């Protein structure tokens, strides 16, 4: 994790934090997620309606163990337009466009484009 700290009024203040990542080194006994796929990759919904994102993973070395420390995490770039919960359910809030990001524990991610209509 990376943390940005600034000095405000003589005190250090956390300005921003990066995502917490867990990654395996290459050549070890365990592997990382190579990429994620999302179904649907693009969706149009109406306000107050919702849908669930299904995520599948592809591993860098499928014959090695995959130690999952954290589940896939979801985040919306415009939560006022489309919100997403930790299980991947997206809900339309108001008309507009938003991008939902699904992150694996090593930082691999996929984008899901969401359009919300009235």
PDB file of N, CA and C in Angstrom:
ATOM      1  N   UNK A   1       0.841  -1.161   0.000  1.00  0.00           N
ATOM      2  CA  UNK A   1       0.000   0.000   0.000  1.00  0.00           C
ATOM      3  C   UNK A   1       0.894   1.235   0.000  1.00  0.00           C
ATOM      4  N   UNK A   2       0.474   2.247  -0.725  1.00  0.00           N
ATOM      5  CA  UNK A   2       1.186   3.521  -0.758  1.00  0.00           C
ATOM      6  C   UNK A   2       0.268   4.563  -0.142  1.00  0.00           C
ATOM      7  N   UNK A   3       0.831   5.418   0.719  1.00  0.00           N
ATOM      8  CA  UNK A   3       0.054   6.464   1.367  1.00  0.00           C
ATOM      9  C   UNK A   3       0.693   7.809   1.086  1.00  0.00           C
ATOM     10  N   UNK A   4      -0.127   8.775   0.641  1.00  0.00           N
ATOM     11  CA  UNK A   4       0.342  10.146   0.409  1.00  0.00           C
ATOM     12  C   UNK A   4       0.045  10.955   1.663  1.00  0.00           C
ATOM     13  N   UNK A   5       1.085  11.613   2.206  1.00  0.00           N
ATOM     14  CA  UNK A   5       0.941  12.388   3.435  1.00  0.00           C
ATOM     15  C   UNK A   5       1.364  13.821   3.162  1.00  0.00           C
ATOM     16  N   UNK A   6       0.574  14.761   3.655  1.00  0.00           N
ATOM     17  CA  UNK A   6       0.901  16.180   3.501  1.00  0.00           C
ATOM     18  C   UNK A   6       0.952  16.845   4.858  1.00  0.00           C
ATOM     19  N   UNK A   7       1.585  17.997   4.933  1.00  0.00           N
ATOM     20  CA  UNK A   7       1.725  18.721   6.180  1.00  0.00           C
ATOM     21  C   UNK A   7       0.701  19.849   6.200  1.00  0.00           C
ATOM     22  N   UNK A   8      -0.262  19.767   7.106  1.00  0.00           N
ATOM     23  CA  UNK A   8      -1.281  20.801   7.243  1.00  0.00           C
ATOM     24  C   UNK A   8      -1.292  21.292   8.687  1.00  0.00           C
ATOM     25  N   UNK A   9      -1.090  22.567   8.873  1.00  0.00           N
ATOM     26  CA  UNK A   9      -1.103  23.173  10.206  1.00  0.00           C
ATOM     27  C   UNK A   9      -0.096  22.522  11.150  1.00  0.00           C
ATOM     28  N   UNK A  10       1.043  22.116  10.642  1.00  0.00           N
ATOM     29  CA  UNK A  10       2.072  21.516  11.472  1.00  0.00           C
ATOM     30  C   UNK A  10       1.865  20.048  11.781  1.00  0.00           C
ATOM     31  N   UNK A  11       0.809  19.447  11.248  1.00  0.00           N
ATOM     32  CA  UNK A  11       0.519  18.034  11.470  1.00  0.00           C
ATOM     33  C   UNK A  11       0.525  17.280  10.151  1.00  0.00           C
ATOM     34  N   UNK A  12       1.037  16.068  10.183  1.00  0.00           N
ATOM     35  CA  UNK A  12       0.985  15.229   8.992  1.00  0.00           C
ATOM     36  C   UNK A  12      -0.428  14.701   8.830  1.00  0.00           C
ATOM     37  N   UNK A  13      -0.935  14.790   7.618  1.00  0.00           N
ATOM     38  CA  UNK A  13      -2.299  14.364   7.335  1.00  0.00           C
ATOM     39  C   UNK A  13      -2.280  13.428   6.129  1.00  0.00           C
ATOM     40  N   UNK A  14      -2.993  12.296   6.228  1.00  0.00           N
ATOM     41  CA  UNK A  14      -3.085  11.357   5.112  1.00  0.00           C
ATOM     42  C   UNK A  14      -3.984  11.976   4.055  1.00  0.00           C
ATOM     43  N   UNK A  15      -3.449  12.135   2.846  1.00  0.00           N
ATOM     44  CA  UNK A  15      -4.207  12.722   1.745  1.00  0.00           C
ATOM     45  C   UNK A  15      -4.896  11.666   0.894  1.00  0.00           C
ATOM     46  N   UNK A  16      -4.226  10.525   0.681  1.00  0.00           N
ATOM     47  CA  UNK A  16      -4.795   9.456  -0.141  1.00  0.00           C
ATOM     48  C   UNK A  16      -4.066   8.154   0.146  1.00  0.00           C
ATOM     49  N   UNK A  17      -4.748   7.024  -0.132  1.00  0.00           N
ATOM     50  CA  UNK A  17      -4.140   5.708   0.026  1.00  0.00           C
ATOM     51  C   UNK A  17      -4.399   4.895  -1.227  1.00  0.00           C
ATOM     52  N   UNK A  18      -3.432   4.067  -1.590  1.00  0.00           N
ATOM     53  CA  UNK A  18      -3.615   3.170  -2.726  1.00  0.00           C
ATOM     54  C   UNK A  18      -4.347   1.913  -2.261  1.00  0.00           C
ATOM     55  N   UNK A  19      -4.700   1.058  -3.204  1.00  0.00           N
ATOM     56  CA  UNK A  19      -5.322  -0.226  -2.879  1.00  0.00           C
ATOM     57  C   UNK A  19      -4.280  -1.134  -2.223  1.00  0.00           C
ATOM     58  N   UNK A  20      -4.723  -1.967  -1.307  1.00  0.00           N
ATOM     59  CA  UNK A  20      -3.849  -2.943  -0.666  1.00  0.00           C
ATOM     60  C   UNK A  20      -3.730  -4.142  -1.601  1.00  0.00           C
ATOM     61  N   UNK A  21      -2.502  -4.520  -1.942  1.00  0.00           N
ATOM     62  CA  UNK A  21      -2.264  -5.607  -2.897  1.00  0.00           C
ATOM     63  C   UNK A  21      -1.531  -6.769  -2.235  1.00  0.00           C
ATOM     64  N   UNK A  22      -1.787  -7.978  -2.733  1.00  0.00           N
ATOM     65  CA  UNK A  22      -1.087  -9.197  -2.330  1.00  0.00           C
ATOM     66  C   UNK A  22      -0.646  -9.864  -3.626  1.00  0.00           C
ATOM     67  N   UNK A  23       0.637 -10.028  -3.822  1.00  0.00           N
ATOM     68  CA  UNK A  23       1.126 -10.642  -5.055  1.00  0.00           C
ATOM     69  C   UNK A  23       2.196 -11.679  -4.743  1.00  0.00           C
ATOM     70  N   UNK A  24       2.218 -12.730  -5.553  1.00  0.00           N
ATOM     71  CA  UNK A  24       3.231 -13.785  -5.416  1.00  0.00           C
ATOM     72  C   UNK A  24       4.397 -13.470  -6.350  1.00  0.00           C
ATOM     73  N   UNK A  25       5.607 -13.838  -5.947  1.00  0.00           N
ATOM     74  CA  UNK A  25       6.758 -13.621  -6.807  1.00  0.00           C
ATOM     75  C   UNK A  25       6.796 -14.704  -7.882  1.00  0.00           C
ATOM     76  N   UNK A  26       7.342 -14.368  -9.026  1.00  0.00           N
ATOM     77  CA  UNK A  26       7.442 -15.350 -10.115  1.00  0.00           C
ATOM     78  C   UNK A  26       8.457 -16.416  -9.741  1.00  0.00           C
ATOM     79  N   UNK A  27       8.167 -17.635 -10.132  1.00  0.00           N
ATOM     80  CA  UNK A  27       9.077 -18.736  -9.859  1.00  0.00           C
ATOM     81  C   UNK A  27       8.820 -19.432  -8.539  1.00  0.00           C
ATOM     82  N   UNK A  28       7.852 -18.957  -7.788  1.00  0.00           N
ATOM     83  CA  UNK A  28       7.541 -19.570  -6.498  1.00  0.00           C
ATOM     84  C   UNK A  28       6.529 -20.698  -6.646  1.00  0.00           C
ATOM     85  N   UNK A  29       6.003 -21.149  -5.527  1.00  0.00           N
ATOM     86  CA  UNK A  29       5.044 -22.253  -5.508  1.00  0.00           C
ATOM     87  C   UNK A  29       3.616 -21.798  -5.767  1.00  0.00           C
ATOM     88  N   UNK A  30       3.374 -20.500  -5.670  1.00  0.00           N
ATOM     89  CA  UNK A  30       2.027 -19.969  -5.882  1.00  0.00           C
ATOM     90  C   UNK A  30       2.020 -19.017  -7.066  1.00  0.00           C
ATOM     91  N   UNK A  31       0.837 -18.687  -7.535  1.00  0.00           N
ATOM     92  CA  UNK A  31       0.714 -17.845  -8.721  1.00  0.00           C
ATOM     93  C   UNK A  31      -0.225 -16.675  -8.462  1.00  0.00           C
ATOM     94  N   UNK A  32      -0.308 -15.774  -9.428  1.00  0.00           N
ATOM     95  CA  UNK A  32      -1.160 -14.597  -9.379  1.00  0.00           C
ATOM     96  C   UNK A  32      -2.270 -14.696 -10.417  1.00  0.00           C
ATOM     97  N   UNK A  33      -3.218 -13.801 -10.315  1.00  0.00           N
ATOM     98  CA  UNK A  33      -4.250 -13.663 -11.344  1.00  0.00           C
ATOM     99  C   UNK A  33      -3.621 -12.949 -12.532  1.00  0.00           C
ATOM    100  N   UNK A  34      -3.774 -13.511 -13.722  1.00  0.00           N
ATOM    101  CA  UNK A  34      -3.255 -12.876 -14.938  1.00  0.00           C
ATOM    102  C   UNK A  34      -4.235 -11.814 -15.416  1.00  0.00           C
ATOM    103  N   UNK A  35      -5.511 -12.180 -15.516  1.00  0.00           N
ATOM    104  CA  UNK A  35      -6.525 -11.201 -15.879  1.00  0.00           C
ATOM    105  C   UNK A  35      -7.892 -11.632 -15.375  1.00  0.00           C
ATOM    106  N   UNK A  36      -8.788 -10.687 -15.385  1.00  0.00           N
ATOM    107  CA  UNK A  36     -10.171 -10.912 -14.968  1.00  0.00           C
ATOM    108  C   UNK A  36     -11.075 -10.708 -16.176  1.00  0.00           C
ATOM    109  N   UNK A  37     -12.202 -11.423 -16.180  1.00  0.00           N
ATOM    110  CA  UNK A  37     -13.231 -11.203 -17.189  1.00  0.00           C
ATOM    111  C   UNK A  37     -14.524 -10.937 -16.453  1.00  0.00           C
ATOM    112  N   UNK A  38     -15.308 -10.028 -16.988  1.00  0.00           N
ATOM    113  CA  UNK A  38     -16.576  -9.668 -16.361  1.00  0.00           C
ATOM    114  C   UNK A  38     -17.727  -9.929 -17.321  1.00  0.00           C
ATOM    115  N   UNK A  39     -18.815 -10.476 -16.767  1.00  0.00           N
ATOM    116  CA  UNK A  39     -20.049 -10.616 -17.527  1.00  0.00           C
ATOM    117  C   UNK A  39     -21.138  -9.909 -16.752  1.00  0.00           C
ATOM    118  N   UNK A  40     -21.782  -8.933 -17.305  1.00  0.00           N
ATOM    119  CA  UNK A  40     -21.542  -8.333 -18.608  1.00  0.00           C
ATOM    120  C   UNK A  40     -20.383  -7.343 -18.549  1.00  0.00           C
ATOM    121  N   UNK A  41     -19.784  -7.070 -19.699  1.00  0.00           N
ATOM    122  CA  UNK A  41     -18.694  -6.093 -19.777  1.00  0.00           C
ATOM    123  C   UNK A  41     -19.256  -4.683 -19.972  1.00  0.00           C
ATOM    124  N   UNK A  42     -20.505  -4.624 -20.415  1.00  0.00           N
ATOM    125  CA  UNK A  42     -21.165  -3.351 -20.675  1.00  0.00           C
ATOM    126  C   UNK A  42     -22.660  -3.561 -20.425  1.00  0.00           C
ATOM    127  N   UNK A  43     -23.307  -2.602 -19.759  1.00  0.00           N
ATOM    128  CA  UNK A  43     -24.715  -2.796 -19.406  1.00  0.00           C
ATOM    129  C   UNK A  43     -25.436  -1.456 -19.344  1.00  0.00           C
ATOM    130  N   UNK A  44     -26.675  -1.441 -19.827  1.00  0.00           N
ATOM    131  CA  UNK A  44     -27.549  -0.284 -19.691  1.00  0.00           C
ATOM    132  C   UNK A  44     -28.700  -0.688 -18.778  1.00  0.00           C
ATOM    133  N   UNK A  45     -28.943   0.126 -17.760  1.00  0.00           N
ATOM    134  CA  UNK A  45     -30.035  -0.143 -16.822  1.00  0.00           C
ATOM    135  C   UNK A  45     -30.828   1.131 -16.583  1.00  0.00           C
ATOM    136  N   UNK A  46     -31.972   0.988 -15.945  1.00  0.00           N
ATOM    137  CA  UNK A  46     -32.781   2.136 -15.564  1.00  0.00           C
ATOM    138  C   UNK A  46     -32.494   2.507 -14.110  1.00  0.00           C
ATOM    139  N   UNK A  47     -32.845   3.749 -13.757  1.00  0.00           N
ATOM    140  CA  UNK A  47     -32.684   4.227 -12.385  1.00  0.00           C
ATOM    141  C   UNK A  47     -33.457   3.292 -11.453  1.00  0.00           C
ATOM    142  N   UNK A  48     -32.872   2.976 -10.310  1.00  0.00           N
ATOM    143  CA  UNK A  48     -33.408   2.099  -9.260  1.00  0.00           C
ATOM    144  C   UNK A  48     -33.385   0.615  -9.625  1.00  0.00           C
ATOM    145  N   UNK A  49     -32.878   0.253 -10.789  1.00  0.00           N
ATOM    146  CA  UNK A  49     -32.739  -1.157 -11.174  1.00  0.00           C
ATOM    147  C   UNK A  49     -31.323  -1.595 -10.873  1.00  0.00           C
ATOM    148  N   UNK A  50     -31.109  -2.906 -10.801  1.00  0.00           N
ATOM    149  CA  UNK A  50     -29.776  -3.413 -10.476  1.00  0.00           C
ATOM    150  C   UNK A  50     -29.464  -4.670 -11.279  1.00  0.00           C
ATOM    151  N   UNK A  51     -28.187  -5.045 -11.272  1.00  0.00           N
ATOM    152  CA  UNK A  51     -27.722  -6.289 -11.885  1.00  0.00           C
ATOM    153  C   UNK A  51     -26.460  -6.733 -11.162  1.00  0.00           C
ATOM    154  N   UNK A  52     -26.129  -8.003 -11.302  1.00  0.00           N
ATOM    155  CA  UNK A  52     -24.952  -8.571 -10.633  1.00  0.00           C
ATOM    156  C   UNK A  52     -23.861  -8.850 -11.659  1.00  0.00           C
ATOM    157  N   UNK A  53     -22.644  -8.484 -11.340  1.00  0.00           N
ATOM    158  CA  UNK A  53     -21.478  -8.745 -12.183  1.00  0.00           C
ATOM    159  C   UNK A  53     -20.915 -10.104 -11.813  1.00  0.00           C
ATOM    160  N   UNK A  54     -20.646 -10.917 -12.804  1.00  0.00           N
ATOM    161  CA  UNK A  54     -20.004 -12.212 -12.590  1.00  0.00           C
ATOM    162  C   UNK A  54     -18.564 -12.102 -13.067  1.00  0.00           C
ATOM    163  N   UNK A  55     -17.630 -12.485 -12.211  1.00  0.00           N
ATOM    164  CA  UNK A  55     -16.200 -12.372 -12.509  1.00  0.00           C
ATOM    165  C   UNK A  55     -15.584 -13.754 -12.640  1.00  0.00           C
ATOM    166  N   UNK A  56     -14.765 -13.923 -13.683  1.00  0.00           N
ATOM    167  CA  UNK A  56     -13.962 -15.142 -13.817  1.00  0.00           C
ATOM    168  C   UNK A  56     -12.500 -14.719 -13.896  1.00  0.00           C
ATOM    169  N   UNK A  57     -11.621 -15.580 -13.390  1.00  0.00           N
ATOM    170  CA  UNK A  57     -10.197 -15.258 -13.354  1.00  0.00           C
ATOM    171  C   UNK A  57      -9.395 -16.233 -14.191  1.00  0.00           C
ATOM    172  N   UNK A  58      -8.299 -15.726 -14.737  1.00  0.00           N
ATOM    173  CA  UNK A  58      -7.330 -16.558 -15.437  1.00  0.00           C
ATOM    174  C   UNK A  58      -6.012 -16.392 -14.685  1.00  0.00           C
ATOM    175  N   UNK A  59      -5.377 -17.508 -14.341  1.00  0.00           N
ATOM    176  CA  UNK A  59      -4.140 -17.471 -13.567  1.00  0.00           C
ATOM    177  C   UNK A  59      -2.918 -17.398 -14.467  1.00  0.00           C
ATOM    178  N   UNK A  60      -1.823 -16.819 -13.953  1.00  0.00           N
ATOM    179  CA  UNK A  60      -0.563 -16.761 -14.709  1.00  0.00           C
ATOM    180  C   UNK A  60      -0.013 -18.166 -14.937  1.00  0.00           C
ATOM    181  N   UNK A  61      -0.033 -18.988 -13.907  1.00  0.00           N
ATOM    182  CA  UNK A  61       0.477 -20.361 -13.986  1.00  0.00           C
ATOM    183  C   UNK A  61      -0.601 -21.289 -13.430  1.00  0.00           C
ATOM    184  N   UNK A  62      -1.520 -21.768 -14.270  1.00  0.00           N
ATOM    185  CA  UNK A  62      -2.663 -22.557 -13.789  1.00  0.00           C
ATOM    186  C   UNK A  62      -2.300 -23.826 -13.011  1.00  0.00           C
ATOM    187  N   UNK A  63      -1.103 -24.366 -13.190  1.00  0.00           N
ATOM    188  CA  UNK A  63      -0.715 -25.596 -12.490  1.00  0.00           C
ATOM    189  C   UNK A  63      -0.220 -25.326 -11.068  1.00  0.00           C
ATOM    190  N   UNK A  64       0.021 -24.062 -10.741  1.00  0.00           N
ATOM    191  CA  UNK A  64       0.473 -23.704  -9.389  1.00  0.00           C
ATOM    192  C   UNK A  64      -0.718 -23.348  -8.511  1.00  0.00           C
ATOM    193  N   UNK A  65      -0.489 -23.357  -7.205  1.00  0.00           N
ATOM    194  CA  UNK A  65      -1.528 -22.989  -6.250  1.00  0.00           C
ATOM    195  C   UNK A  65      -1.824 -21.497  -6.354  1.00  0.00           C
ATOM    196  N   UNK A  66      -3.053 -21.168  -6.078  1.00  0.00           N
ATOM    197  CA  UNK A  66      -3.452 -19.766  -5.996  1.00  0.00           C
ATOM    198  C   UNK A  66      -3.966 -19.519  -4.588  1.00  0.00           C
ATOM    199  N   UNK A  67      -3.210 -18.753  -3.810  1.00  0.00           N
ATOM    200  CA  UNK A  67      -3.606 -18.447  -2.434  1.00  0.00           C
ATOM    201  C   UNK A  67      -4.356 -17.123  -2.441  1.00  0.00           C
ATOM    202  N   UNK A  68      -5.639 -17.223  -2.205  1.00  0.00           N
ATOM    203  CA  UNK A  68      -6.482 -16.039  -2.234  1.00  0.00           C
ATOM    204  C   UNK A  68      -6.591 -15.445  -0.833  1.00  0.00           C
ATOM    205  N   UNK A  69      -5.993 -14.269  -0.649  1.00  0.00           N
ATOM    206  CA  UNK A  69      -6.030 -13.579   0.638  1.00  0.00           C
ATOM    207  C   UNK A  69      -7.204 -12.611   0.712  1.00  0.00           C
ATOM    208  N   UNK A  70      -7.638 -12.132  -0.462  1.00  0.00           N
ATOM    209  CA  UNK A  70      -8.730 -11.162  -0.513  1.00  0.00           C
ATOM    210  C   UNK A  70      -9.636 -11.494  -1.692  1.00  0.00           C
ATOM    211  N   UNK A  71     -10.916 -11.270  -1.523  1.00  0.00           N
ATOM    212  CA  UNK A  71     -11.871 -11.494  -2.598  1.00  0.00           C
ATOM    213  C   UNK A  71     -11.738 -10.382  -3.628  1.00  0.00           C
ATOM    214  N   UNK A  72     -12.353 -10.583  -4.780  1.00  0.00           N
ATOM    215  CA  UNK A  72     -12.389  -9.533  -5.797  1.00  0.00           C
ATOM    216  C   UNK A  72     -13.139  -8.344  -5.195  1.00  0.00           C
ATOM    217  N   UNK A  73     -12.571  -7.158  -5.375  1.00  0.00           N
ATOM    218  CA  UNK A  73     -13.175  -5.943  -4.843  1.00  0.00           C
ATOM    219  C   UNK A  73     -13.766  -5.120  -5.979  1.00  0.00           C
ATOM    220  N   UNK A  74     -14.832  -4.399  -5.690  1.00  0.00           N
ATOM    221  CA  UNK A  74     -15.519  -3.599  -6.688  1.00  0.00           C
ATOM    222  C   UNK A  74     -15.517  -2.133  -6.274  1.00  0.00           C
ATOM    223  N   UNK A  75     -15.467  -1.241  -7.293  1.00  0.00           N
ATOM    224  CA  UNK A  75     -15.471   0.191  -7.028  1.00  0.00           C
ATOM    225  C   UNK A  75     -16.091   0.912  -8.214  1.00  0.00           C
ATOM    226  N   UNK A  76     -16.887   1.938  -7.945  1.00  0.00           N
ATOM    227  CA  UNK A  76     -17.495   2.753  -8.991  1.00  0.00           C
ATOM    228  C   UNK A  76     -16.757   4.076  -9.082  1.00  0.00           C
ATOM    229  N   UNK A  77     -16.515   4.552 -10.319  1.00  0.00           N
ATOM    230  CA  UNK A  77     -15.873   5.858 -10.463  1.00  0.00           C
ATOM    231  C   UNK A  77     -16.883   6.994 -10.285  1.00  0.00           C
ATOM    232  N   UNK A  78     -18.185   6.675 -10.361  1.00  0.00           N
ATOM    233  CA  UNK A  78     -19.231   7.680 -10.154  1.00  0.00           C
ATOM    234  C   UNK A  78     -20.364   7.057  -9.332  1.00  0.00           C
ATOM    235  N   UNK A  79     -20.155   6.907  -8.018  1.00  0.00           N
ATOM    236  CA  UNK A  79     -21.169   6.251  -7.185  1.00  0.00           C
ATOM    237  C   UNK A  79     -22.507   6.985  -7.128  1.00  0.00           C
ATOM    238  N   UNK A  80     -22.549   8.252  -7.489  1.00  0.00           N
ATOM    239  CA  UNK A  80     -23.830   8.970  -7.534  1.00  0.00           C
ATOM    240  C   UNK A  80     -24.669   8.523  -8.729  1.00  0.00           C
ATOM    241  N   UNK A  81     -24.015   7.961  -9.758  1.00  0.00           N
ATOM    242  CA  UNK A  81     -24.705   7.459 -10.952  1.00  0.00           C
ATOM    243  C   UNK A  81     -24.990   5.973 -10.816  1.00  0.00           C
ATOM    244  N   UNK A  82     -23.977   5.191 -10.477  1.00  0.00           N
ATOM    245  CA  UNK A  82     -24.122   3.742 -10.309  1.00  0.00           C
ATOM    246  C   UNK A  82     -23.268   3.298  -9.128  1.00  0.00           C
ATOM    247  N   UNK A  83     -23.898   2.720  -8.130  1.00  0.00           N
ATOM    248  CA  UNK A  83     -23.159   2.228  -6.964  1.00  0.00           C
ATOM    249  C   UNK A  83     -22.957   0.726  -7.109  1.00  0.00           C
ATOM    250  N   UNK A  84     -21.963   0.199  -6.413  1.00  0.00           N
ATOM    251  CA  UNK A  84     -21.695  -1.238  -6.443  1.00  0.00           C
ATOM    252  C   UNK A  84     -21.347  -1.686  -5.030  1.00  0.00           C
ATOM    253  N   UNK A  85     -21.859  -2.853  -4.634  1.00  0.00           N
ATOM    254  CA  UNK A  85     -21.533  -3.362  -3.305  1.00  0.00           C
ATOM    255  C   UNK A  85     -20.400  -4.379  -3.400  1.00  0.00           C
ATOM    256  N   UNK A  86     -19.988  -4.939  -2.257  1.00  0.00           N
ATOM    257  CA  UNK A  86     -18.839  -5.834  -2.248  1.00  0.00           C
ATOM    258  C   UNK A  86     -19.110  -7.168  -2.923  1.00  0.00           C
ATOM    259  N   UNK A  87     -20.375  -7.495  -3.182  1.00  0.00           N
ATOM    260  CA  UNK A  87     -20.715  -8.729  -3.886  1.00  0.00           C
ATOM    261  C   UNK A  87     -20.846  -8.537  -5.393  1.00  0.00           C
ATOM    262  N   UNK A  88     -20.692  -7.285  -5.876  1.00  0.00           N
ATOM    263  CA  UNK A  88     -20.740  -7.020  -7.310  1.00  0.00           C
ATOM    264  C   UNK A  88     -22.110  -6.674  -7.846  1.00  0.00           C
ATOM    265  N   UNK A  89     -23.036  -6.299  -6.969  1.00  0.00           N
ATOM    266  CA  UNK A  89     -24.358  -5.876  -7.420  1.00  0.00           C
ATOM    267  C   UNK A  89     -24.327  -4.376  -7.681  1.00  0.00           C
ATOM    268  N   UNK A  90     -24.665  -3.993  -8.907  1.00  0.00           N
ATOM    269  CA  UNK A  90     -24.637  -2.601  -9.335  1.00  0.00           C
ATOM    270  C   UNK A  90     -26.065  -2.067  -9.317  1.00  0.00           C
ATOM    271  N   UNK A  91     -26.247  -0.859  -8.777  1.00  0.00           N
ATOM    272  CA  UNK A  91     -27.572  -0.243  -8.719  1.00  0.00           C
ATOM    273  C   UNK A  91     -27.512   1.124  -9.386  1.00  0.00           C
ATOM    274  N   UNK A  92     -28.480   1.379 -10.286  1.00  0.00           N
ATOM    275  CA  UNK A  92     -28.574   2.682 -10.949  1.00  0.00           C
ATOM    276  C   UNK A  92     -29.135   3.713  -9.995  1.00  0.00           C
ATOM    277  N   UNK A  93     -28.441   4.835  -9.849  1.00  0.00           N
ATOM    278  CA  UNK A  93     -28.867   5.894  -8.931  1.00  0.00           C
ATOM    279  C   UNK A  93     -29.511   7.063  -9.671  1.00  0.00           C
ATOM    280  N   UNK A  94     -28.839   7.542 -10.740  1.00  0.00           N
ATOM    281  CA  UNK A  94     -29.391   8.622 -11.548  1.00  0.00           C
ATOM    282  C   UNK A  94     -28.830   8.488 -12.966  1.00  0.00           C
ATOM    283  N   UNK A  95     -29.464   9.151 -13.921  1.00  0.00           N
ATOM    284  CA  UNK A  95     -29.061   9.036 -15.321  1.00  0.00           C
ATOM    285  C   UNK A  95     -27.621   9.504 -15.519  1.00  0.00           C
ATOM    286  N   UNK A  96     -26.873   8.741 -16.321  1.00  0.00           N
ATOM    287  CA  UNK A  96     -25.486   9.083 -16.613  1.00  0.00           C
ATOM    288  C   UNK A  96     -24.678   7.840 -16.935  1.00  0.00           C
ATOM    289  N   UNK A  97     -23.367   8.021 -17.014  1.00  0.00           N
ATOM    290  CA  UNK A  97     -22.459   6.907 -17.307  1.00  0.00           C
ATOM    291  C   UNK A  97     -21.458   6.755 -16.168  1.00  0.00           C
ATOM    292  N   UNK A  98     -21.110   5.509 -15.895  1.00  0.00           N
ATOM    293  CA  UNK A  98     -20.132   5.211 -14.837  1.00  0.00           C
ATOM    294  C   UNK A  98     -19.310   4.005 -15.263  1.00  0.00           C
ATOM    295  N   UNK A  99     -18.150   3.865 -14.667  1.00  0.00           N
ATOM    296  CA  UNK A  99     -17.305   2.693 -14.881  1.00  0.00           C
ATOM    297  C   UNK A  99     -17.134   1.988 -13.547  1.00  0.00           C
ATOM    298  N   UNK A 100     -17.410   0.689 -13.550  1.00  0.00           N
ATOM    299  CA  UNK A 100     -17.204  -0.138 -12.362  1.00  0.00           C
ATOM    300  C   UNK A 100     -15.884  -0.878 -12.562  1.00  0.00           C
ATOM    301  N   UNK A 101     -15.041  -0.873 -11.553  1.00  0.00           N
ATOM    302  CA  UNK A 101     -13.770  -1.584 -11.600  1.00  0.00           C
ATOM    303  C   UNK A 101     -13.848  -2.786 -10.669  1.00  0.00           C
ATOM    304  N   UNK A 102     -13.376  -3.936 -11.156  1.00  0.00           N
ATOM    305  CA  UNK A 102     -13.261  -5.137 -10.329  1.00  0.00           C
ATOM    306  C   UNK A 102     -11.771  -5.432 -10.209  1.00  0.00           C
ATOM    307  N   UNK A 103     -11.263  -5.527  -8.959  1.00  0.00           N
ATOM    308  CA  UNK A 103      -9.838  -5.715  -8.686  1.00  0.00           C
ATOM    309  C   UNK A 103      -9.568  -7.081  -8.071  1.00  0.00           C
ATOM    310  N   UNK A 104      -8.541  -7.763  -8.570  1.00  0.00           N
ATOM    311  CA  UNK A 104      -8.044  -8.973  -7.916  1.00  0.00           C
ATOM    312  C   UNK A 104      -7.037  -8.542  -6.848  1.00  0.00           C
ATOM    313  N   UNK A 105      -6.643  -9.453  -5.995  1.00  0.00           N
ATOM    314  CA  UNK A 105      -5.746  -9.101  -4.885  1.00  0.00           C
ATOM    315  C   UNK A 105      -4.366  -8.630  -5.332  1.00  0.00           C
ATOM    316  N   UNK A 106      -3.928  -9.002  -6.548  1.00  0.00           N
ATOM    317  CA  UNK A 106      -2.612  -8.571  -7.011  1.00  0.00           C
ATOM    318  C   UNK A 106      -2.672  -7.307  -7.858  1.00  0.00           C
ATOM    319  N   UNK A 107      -3.855  -6.713  -8.021  1.00  0.00           N
ATOM    320  CA  UNK A 107      -3.984  -5.463  -8.770  1.00  0.00           C
ATOM    321  C   UNK A 107      -4.533  -5.632 -10.172  1.00  0.00           C
ATOM    322  N   UNK A 108      -4.646  -6.853 -10.667  1.00  0.00           N
ATOM    323  CA  UNK A 108      -5.264  -7.079 -11.973  1.00  0.00           C
ATOM    324  C   UNK A 108      -6.709  -6.592 -11.890  1.00  0.00           C
ATOM    325  N   UNK A 109      -7.195  -5.946 -12.955  1.00  0.00           N
ATOM    326  CA  UNK A 109      -8.544  -5.402 -12.894  1.00  0.00           C
ATOM    327  C   UNK A 109      -9.232  -5.485 -14.250  1.00  0.00           C
ATOM    328  N   UNK A 110     -10.538  -5.294 -14.207  1.00  0.00           N
ATOM    329  CA  UNK A 110     -11.353  -5.237 -15.411  1.00  0.00           C
ATOM    330  C   UNK A 110     -12.349  -4.091 -15.221  1.00  0.00           C
ATOM    331  N   UNK A 111     -12.710  -3.423 -16.339  1.00  0.00           N
ATOM    332  CA  UNK A 111     -13.672  -2.324 -16.318  1.00  0.00           C
ATOM    333  C   UNK A 111     -15.020  -2.808 -16.843  1.00  0.00           C
ATOM    334  N   UNK A 112     -16.085  -2.338 -16.215  1.00  0.00           N
ATOM    335  CA  UNK A 112     -17.437  -2.620 -16.666  1.00  0.00           C
ATOM    336  C   UNK A 112     -18.108  -1.271 -16.897  1.00  0.00           C
ATOM    337  N   UNK A 113     -18.516  -1.011 -18.131  1.00  0.00           N
ATOM    338  CA  UNK A 113     -19.159   0.269 -18.489  1.00  0.00           C
ATOM    339  C   UNK A 113     -20.647   0.161 -18.191  1.00  0.00           C
ATOM    340  N   UNK A 114     -21.160   1.136 -17.456  1.00  0.00           N
ATOM    341  CA  UNK A 114     -22.577   1.142 -17.080  1.00  0.00           C
ATOM    342  C   UNK A 114     -23.212   2.463 -17.526  1.00  0.00           C
ATOM    343  N   UNK A 115     -24.339   2.334 -18.210  1.00  0.00           N
ATOM    344  CA  UNK A 115     -25.139   3.496 -18.577  1.00  0.00           C
ATOM    345  C   UNK A 115     -26.458   3.403 -17.822  1.00  0.00           C
ATOM    346  N   UNK A 116     -26.816   4.472 -17.133  1.00  0.00           N
ATOM    347  CA  UNK A 116     -28.073   4.503 -16.389  1.00  0.00           C
ATOM    348  C   UNK A 116     -29.006   5.495 -17.091  1.00  0.00           C
ATOM    349  N   UNK A 117     -30.223   5.022 -17.396  1.00  0.00           N
ATOM    350  CA  UNK A 117     -31.229   5.859 -18.056  1.00  0.00           C
ATOM    351  C   UNK A 117     -32.431   6.026 -17.147  1.00  0.00           C
ATOM    352  N   UNK A 118     -33.197   7.090 -17.391  1.00  0.00           N
ATOM    353  CA  UNK A 118     -34.414   7.352 -16.605  1.00  0.00           C
ATOM    354  C   UNK A 118     -35.486   6.343 -16.897  1.00  0.00           C
TER     355      UNK A 118
END
